[in-house]
Amino acid sequence: MIMLERIIEFSVPPGAKEGRADKVFAAEFNDVSRARLQRAFDAGQVTFDGKTIDKRFKVSQSGLLRAVLEEPTFDAAPTAVDLPLDVIYEDGSILVVNKAPGMITHPGNGTGENTLVHALRYHCGENLSTVGAPDRPGIVHRLDKDTSGLIIVAKNDMAHHKLAAAFSERKIYKRYTALVFGTPKVSRGTIKGAIGRHPVVRTRMAVVQSGKPAHTEWKVEARYGQKATRISCIIHTGRTHQIRVHMSEIQFPLLGDSTYGFRPGQLKDIEVPRVMLHSTELQIQHPDRDERMTFEAPLPRDFEDLIALLD
């Protein structure tokens, strides 16, 4: 295993409540363990407005908290693990998988051996691209843990480079299905708010003027009274949490998405199992031949079950 660096920053706003530096970080970055923060403090890698501080430092005024964390990554491919894998299509260059909700795309700190990459190593053996980090063989793009649906995997380096270029040049058609809270008055819309890190809560993304361009088209597919709506979203860019941020921005957060505005209990006695987002359709140019290919994945069982309760 090798260690990389991850930098986390938090801009303390004027008038913020006084607190110890370690507790401020813990409150804002809930994905960072206390042990990792402690190692950063011990190594002198935590600063406030450029001055090194310890964990007992009292943050009592506005300023920039910054920590440099060690980020482990593996210098060898993960082991092969026999996990369920829903293969939509496969040939010598690409593999298209319908990822189950709850499955993490690639290994990370504390993820265990149940990621998509572990399943791919079992299914494909050594026939995966080696571009990028050693612990992410074949991975050209990713889906969040809660998000289900289509992922394209490269089985060799040439396919990887061509697919990565197609994503970068926005030549891949990506359509998602989502369930949102509430009912839009119009049947379709376009959102072009730039997306970047939230200015205060740095683990979140937000529509901010300094962000990167982001473009989402959405369309109503079904309405479930005044409670919820099923929409399709075509994304022309691939920003982090793009659909979640954009739909929250227009006051229709995704069901189950407490990070971006959905509150537990808003549907009364209906339990929402996760962030209700599914990668439904991908269209690509095959990396080996002059063929445009379309792949689709049906809605998973938890989606259908929730729709039945809403209907």
Protein backbone atom coordinates (compact mmCIF):
# COMPACT_ATOMS: atom_id res chain seq x y z
CA MET A 1 0.00 0.00 0.00
CA ILE A 2 1.22 3.51 -0.81
CA MET A 3 0.15 6.80 0.75
CA LEU A 4 -1.14 9.79 -1.16
CA GLU A 5 -2.22 13.17 0.21
CA ARG A 6 -5.74 14.49 0.60
CA ILE A 7 -6.27 18.13 1.51
CA ILE A 8 -9.42 19.16 3.36
CA GLU A 9 -10.30 22.79 3.97
CA PHE A 10 -13.06 24.59 5.83
CA SER A 11 -13.70 28.33 5.63
CA VAL A 12 -14.92 29.32 9.09
CA PRO A 13 -17.60 31.98 8.53
CA PRO A 14 -17.80 35.20 10.56
CA GLY A 15 -19.83 34.75 13.71
CA ALA A 16 -19.35 30.98 13.89
CA LYS A 17 -19.62 29.40 17.32
CA GLU A 18 -16.25 28.92 19.04
CA GLY A 19 -14.96 25.36 19.05
CA ARG A 20 -11.84 23.23 19.22
CA ALA A 21 -10.17 22.69 15.87
CA ASP A 22 -10.48 18.89 15.95
CA LYS A 23 -14.20 19.08 16.74
CA VAL A 24 -14.82 21.64 13.98
CA PHE A 25 -13.17 19.34 11.45
CA ALA A 26 -15.07 16.30 12.74
CA ALA A 27 -18.38 18.13 12.38
CA GLU A 28 -17.69 19.23 8.81
CA PHE A 29 -15.97 16.10 7.45
CA ASN A 30 -17.86 13.10 8.74
CA ASP A 31 -16.00 10.77 6.35
CA VAL A 32 -12.69 11.43 8.11
CA SER A 33 -11.93 9.37 11.22
CA ARG A 34 -10.63 10.90 14.43
CA ALA A 35 -7.52 8.75 14.14
CA ARG A 36 -6.65 10.21 10.72
CA LEU A 37 -7.21 13.74 12.00
CA GLN A 38 -5.04 13.01 15.02
CA ARG A 39 -2.21 11.78 12.78
CA ALA A 40 -2.43 15.02 10.79
CA PHE A 41 -2.24 17.11 14.00
CA ASP A 42 0.69 15.01 15.28
CA ALA A 43 2.55 15.53 11.98
CA GLY A 44 2.05 19.31 12.07
CA GLN A 45 -0.14 19.16 8.97
CA VAL A 46 -3.07 21.24 10.29
CA THR A 47 -3.12 25.02 9.94
CA PHE A 48 -5.39 27.96 10.59
CA ASP A 49 -4.76 30.84 8.19
CA GLY A 50 -1.36 29.36 7.44
CA LYS A 51 -0.20 28.87 11.05
CA THR A 52 0.32 25.34 12.41
CA ILE A 53 -2.10 24.47 15.22
CA ASP A 54 -2.83 21.53 17.51
CA LYS A 55 -6.20 19.93 18.10
CA ARG A 56 -6.88 22.04 21.20
CA PHE A 57 -6.66 25.29 19.24
CA LYS A 58 -9.81 27.36 19.77
CA VAL A 59 -11.38 28.49 16.52
CA SER A 60 -12.99 31.76 17.56
CA GLN A 61 -12.89 33.88 14.41
CA SER A 62 -13.29 33.55 10.66
CA GLY A 63 -10.43 31.99 8.76
CA LEU A 64 -9.28 28.95 6.79
CA LEU A 65 -8.79 25.60 8.51
CA ARG A 66 -6.62 23.28 6.43
CA ALA A 67 -5.41 19.72 6.99
CA VAL A 68 -3.23 17.44 4.87
CA LEU A 69 -4.30 13.83 5.39
CA GLU A 70 -2.62 10.62 4.36
CA GLU A 71 -4.83 8.88 1.80
CA PRO A 72 -4.02 5.18 1.42
CA THR A 73 -4.19 3.52 -1.97
CA PHE A 74 -3.04 0.07 -2.97
CA ASP A 75 0.03 -0.60 -5.10
CA ALA A 76 -1.48 -3.85 -6.41
CA ALA A 77 -4.85 -4.80 -7.83
CA PRO A 78 -7.43 -5.93 -5.24
CA THR A 79 -8.04 -9.63 -4.79
CA ALA A 80 -10.69 -11.45 -6.80
CA VAL A 81 -13.92 -12.02 -4.88
CA ASP A 82 -16.91 -14.00 -6.14
CA LEU A 83 -19.70 -11.42 -5.83
CA PRO A 84 -22.99 -11.16 -7.77
CA LEU A 85 -22.43 -9.24 -10.99
CA ASP A 86 -25.21 -8.29 -13.44
CA VAL A 87 -23.44 -8.19 -16.81
CA ILE A 88 -25.43 -6.36 -19.51
CA TYR A 89 -22.85 -6.75 -22.29
CA GLU A 90 -19.31 -8.06 -22.72
CA ASP A 91 -16.74 -8.50 -25.48
CA GLY A 92 -12.96 -8.43 -25.68
CA SER A 93 -12.66 -4.71 -24.99
CA ILE A 94 -15.54 -3.58 -22.79
CA LEU A 95 -17.88 -4.82 -20.10
CA VAL A 96 -21.15 -3.11 -19.18
CA VAL A 97 -22.45 -3.82 -15.68
CA ASN A 98 -25.72 -3.01 -13.95
CA LYS A 99 -24.35 -2.04 -10.51
CA ALA A 100 -26.51 -2.91 -7.53
CA PRO A 101 -27.42 -0.18 -5.02
CA GLY A 102 -25.13 -0.24 -2.01
CA MET A 103 -22.09 -1.53 -3.93
CA ILE A 104 -19.03 0.74 -3.84
CA THR A 105 -17.33 1.14 -7.22
CA HIS A 106 -13.68 0.82 -6.15
CA PRO A 107 -11.70 0.21 -2.94
CA GLY A 108 -10.97 2.96 -0.48
CA ASN A 109 -10.12 3.37 3.17
CA GLY A 110 -12.22 0.88 5.12
CA THR A 111 -14.39 -0.31 2.19
CA GLY A 112 -13.62 -4.01 2.61
CA GLU A 113 -13.52 -6.59 -0.18
CA ASN A 114 -17.03 -6.20 -1.57
CA THR A 115 -16.55 -3.50 -4.19
CA LEU A 116 -17.31 -3.67 -7.89
CA VAL A 117 -13.57 -3.90 -8.59
CA HIS A 118 -13.28 -7.04 -6.44
CA ALA A 119 -16.13 -8.59 -8.43
CA LEU A 120 -14.54 -7.54 -11.73
CA ARG A 121 -11.22 -9.13 -10.75
CA TYR A 122 -13.06 -12.44 -10.22
CA HIS A 123 -15.08 -12.17 -13.44
CA CYS A 124 -12.35 -10.83 -15.76
CA GLY A 125 -9.13 -12.03 -14.14
CA GLU A 126 -6.23 -10.06 -15.59
CA ASN A 127 -8.32 -8.80 -18.53
CA LEU A 128 -8.84 -5.29 -17.18
CA SER A 129 -7.16 -2.03 -18.14
CA THR A 130 -4.19 -0.89 -16.06
CA VAL A 131 -4.62 2.84 -16.67
CA GLY A 132 -4.87 4.89 -13.48
CA ALA A 133 -4.49 3.76 -9.86
CA PRO A 134 -3.54 0.10 -9.34
CA ASP A 135 -6.57 -0.44 -7.09
CA ARG A 136 -8.99 0.64 -9.85
CA PRO A 137 -8.36 -1.70 -12.81
CA GLY A 138 -10.87 -1.22 -15.61
CA ILE A 139 -12.63 1.73 -13.96
CA VAL A 140 -13.28 4.54 -16.45
CA HIS A 141 -16.05 6.28 -14.49
CA ARG A 142 -17.90 5.60 -11.26
CA LEU A 143 -21.28 5.73 -9.55
CA ASP A 144 -21.89 6.67 -5.92
CA LYS A 145 -22.51 3.81 -3.50
CA ASP A 146 -26.28 4.41 -3.35
CA THR A 147 -26.67 4.95 -7.10
CA SER A 148 -27.59 1.86 -9.09
CA GLY A 149 -27.30 1.18 -12.80
CA LEU A 150 -24.94 1.16 -15.73
CA ILE A 151 -21.15 1.34 -15.55
CA ILE A 152 -18.79 0.78 -18.49
CA VAL A 153 -15.57 -1.10 -17.74
CA ALA A 154 -12.47 -1.17 -19.97
CA LYS A 155 -10.80 -4.56 -20.46
CA ASN A 156 -7.64 -3.18 -22.06
CA ASP A 157 -5.68 0.07 -22.04
CA MET A 158 -6.61 1.16 -25.56
CA ALA A 159 -10.32 0.86 -24.77
CA HIS A 160 -9.76 2.75 -21.52
CA HIS A 161 -8.06 5.69 -23.22
CA LYS A 162 -10.76 5.94 -25.90
CA LEU A 163 -13.63 5.72 -23.42
CA ALA A 164 -12.00 8.23 -21.07
CA ALA A 165 -11.59 10.64 -23.97
CA ALA A 166 -15.24 10.17 -24.95
CA PHE A 167 -16.37 11.01 -21.40
CA SER A 168 -14.07 14.04 -21.30
CA GLU A 169 -15.32 15.28 -24.69
CA ARG A 170 -18.97 14.71 -23.66
CA LYS A 171 -19.60 12.18 -26.41
CA ILE A 172 -21.34 9.65 -24.16
CA TYR A 173 -25.10 9.91 -23.70
CA LYS A 174 -26.09 9.42 -20.05
CA ARG A 175 -29.70 9.16 -18.88
CA TYR A 176 -30.73 8.61 -15.27
CA THR A 177 -34.03 7.94 -13.53
CA ALA A 178 -34.72 9.65 -10.21
CA LEU A 179 -37.53 9.99 -7.70
CA VAL A 180 -37.84 13.52 -6.33
CA PHE A 181 -39.86 14.99 -3.48
CA GLY A 182 -42.78 17.15 -4.59
CA THR A 183 -44.36 17.80 -7.97
CA PRO A 184 -42.93 20.30 -10.47
CA LYS A 185 -45.54 22.54 -12.11
CA VAL A 186 -43.86 22.15 -15.49
CA SER A 187 -43.14 18.88 -17.28
CA ARG A 188 -39.50 19.50 -18.21
CA GLY A 189 -36.62 21.87 -17.65
CA THR A 190 -32.93 22.63 -18.11
CA ILE A 191 -30.49 23.51 -15.33
CA LYS A 192 -27.08 25.04 -16.05
CA GLY A 193 -25.87 26.11 -12.61
CA ALA A 194 -22.10 25.75 -12.16
CA ILE A 195 -21.15 23.21 -9.49
CA GLY A 196 -18.31 23.39 -6.97
CA ARG A 197 -17.57 22.73 -3.32
CA HIS A 198 -20.07 24.15 -0.86
CA PRO A 199 -18.50 27.32 0.58
CA VAL A 200 -19.08 26.21 4.18
CA VAL A 201 -19.83 22.46 4.28
CA ARG A 202 -16.88 21.18 2.28
CA THR A 203 -18.12 17.59 2.03
CA ARG A 204 -21.05 18.82 -0.07
CA MET A 205 -21.29 20.26 -3.56
CA ALA A 206 -23.38 23.28 -4.46
CA VAL A 207 -24.34 25.63 -7.28
CA VAL A 208 -21.67 28.32 -6.93
CA GLN A 209 -20.44 31.06 -9.23
CA SER A 210 -16.87 29.76 -9.06
CA GLY A 211 -17.88 26.18 -9.92
CA LYS A 212 -17.41 24.18 -13.10
CA PRO A 213 -20.07 24.32 -15.84
CA ALA A 214 -22.82 21.75 -15.38
CA HIS A 215 -25.80 21.02 -17.62
CA THR A 216 -28.78 18.82 -16.74
CA GLU A 217 -32.01 18.29 -18.68
CA TRP A 218 -34.92 16.76 -16.78
CA LYS A 219 -38.37 15.53 -17.77
CA VAL A 220 -41.35 14.28 -15.76
CA GLU A 221 -42.17 10.62 -16.34
CA ALA A 222 -44.86 10.12 -13.68
CA ARG A 223 -46.44 12.03 -10.80
CA TYR A 224 -47.51 10.38 -7.55
CA GLY A 225 -50.07 12.81 -6.16
CA GLN A 226 -48.40 15.72 -4.40
CA LYS A 227 -45.82 13.49 -2.74
CA ALA A 228 -43.26 12.61 -5.37
CA THR A 229 -42.38 12.56 -9.05
CA ARG A 230 -40.40 10.19 -11.25
CA ILE A 231 -38.13 12.08 -13.63
CA SER A 232 -35.56 11.24 -16.26
CA CYS A 233 -32.35 13.27 -16.35
CA ILE A 234 -29.91 13.61 -19.22
CA ILE A 235 -26.57 14.98 -18.05
CA HIS A 236 -24.28 16.70 -20.54
CA THR A 237 -21.49 17.07 -17.98
CA GLY A 238 -20.31 14.76 -15.21
CA ARG A 239 -19.89 16.83 -12.07
CA THR A 240 -19.86 15.26 -8.61
CA HIS A 241 -23.45 14.79 -7.37
CA GLN A 242 -24.67 16.75 -10.40
CA ILE A 243 -28.29 15.53 -10.52
CA ARG A 244 -28.63 15.64 -6.74
CA VAL A 245 -27.33 19.21 -6.55
CA HIS A 246 -29.29 20.52 -9.53
CA MET A 247 -32.63 19.06 -8.45
CA SER A 248 -32.12 20.34 -4.92
CA GLU A 249 -31.33 23.76 -6.34
CA ILE A 250 -34.82 23.96 -7.89
CA GLN A 251 -36.41 22.67 -4.64
CA PHE A 252 -37.05 19.08 -5.70
CA PRO A 253 -34.48 17.00 -3.79
CA LEU A 254 -34.13 13.31 -4.54
CA LEU A 255 -35.99 10.99 -2.21
CA GLY A 256 -33.63 9.70 0.46
CA ASP A 257 -31.03 12.41 -0.15
CA SER A 258 -30.65 13.99 3.28
CA THR A 259 -27.39 15.64 2.17
CA TYR A 260 -29.26 17.83 -0.32
CA GLY A 261 -32.56 18.65 1.31
CA PHE A 262 -34.73 15.57 1.76
CA ARG A 263 -35.79 15.08 5.38
CA PRO A 264 -36.65 11.69 6.87
CA GLY A 265 -40.35 11.57 7.62
CA GLN A 266 -41.42 13.81 4.76
CA LEU A 267 -43.30 10.86 3.25
CA LYS A 268 -44.84 10.03 6.66
CA ASP A 269 -44.94 6.24 7.04
CA ILE A 270 -43.16 5.42 3.76
CA GLU A 271 -39.54 4.39 4.26
CA VAL A 272 -37.06 5.45 1.58
CA PRO A 273 -34.23 2.89 1.31
CA ARG A 274 -31.53 5.09 -0.24
CA VAL A 275 -30.91 8.04 -2.55
CA MET A 276 -33.30 7.13 -5.36
CA LEU A 277 -31.10 7.50 -8.44
CA HIS A 278 -30.50 4.94 -11.20
CA SER A 279 -28.26 5.05 -14.28
CA THR A 280 -30.79 3.88 -16.86
CA GLU A 281 -29.19 4.36 -20.28
CA LEU A 282 -25.74 4.82 -21.80
CA GLN A 283 -24.85 5.33 -25.44
CA ILE A 284 -21.23 4.95 -26.53
CA GLN A 285 -19.10 4.64 -29.62
CA HIS A 286 -17.47 1.22 -29.37
CA PRO A 287 -13.70 1.76 -28.88
CA ASP A 288 -12.76 -0.90 -31.46
CA ARG A 289 -15.20 -0.34 -34.29
CA ASP A 290 -17.48 2.18 -35.97
CA GLU A 291 -20.59 1.24 -34.02
CA ARG A 292 -22.81 3.33 -31.79
CA MET A 293 -24.11 1.14 -28.97
CA THR A 294 -27.01 1.67 -26.55
CA PHE A 295 -27.32 -0.05 -23.20
CA GLU A 296 -30.27 0.08 -20.81
CA ALA A 297 -30.83 -1.21 -17.28
CA PRO A 298 -34.30 -1.75 -15.80
CA LEU A 299 -35.25 -0.13 -12.52
CA PRO A 300 -34.12 -2.25 -9.55
CA ARG A 301 -36.53 -3.89 -7.13
CA ASP A 302 -36.24 -1.24 -4.40
CA PHE A 303 -37.18 1.44 -6.96
CA GLU A 304 -40.22 -0.50 -8.11
CA ASP A 305 -41.29 -1.28 -4.54
CA LEU A 306 -41.12 2.37 -3.52
CA ILE A 307 -43.06 3.45 -6.63
CA ALA A 308 -45.79 0.93 -5.71
CA LEU A 309 -46.09 2.53 -2.26
CA LEU A 310 -46.24 6.03 -3.75
CA ASP A 311 -48.73 5.19 -6.51
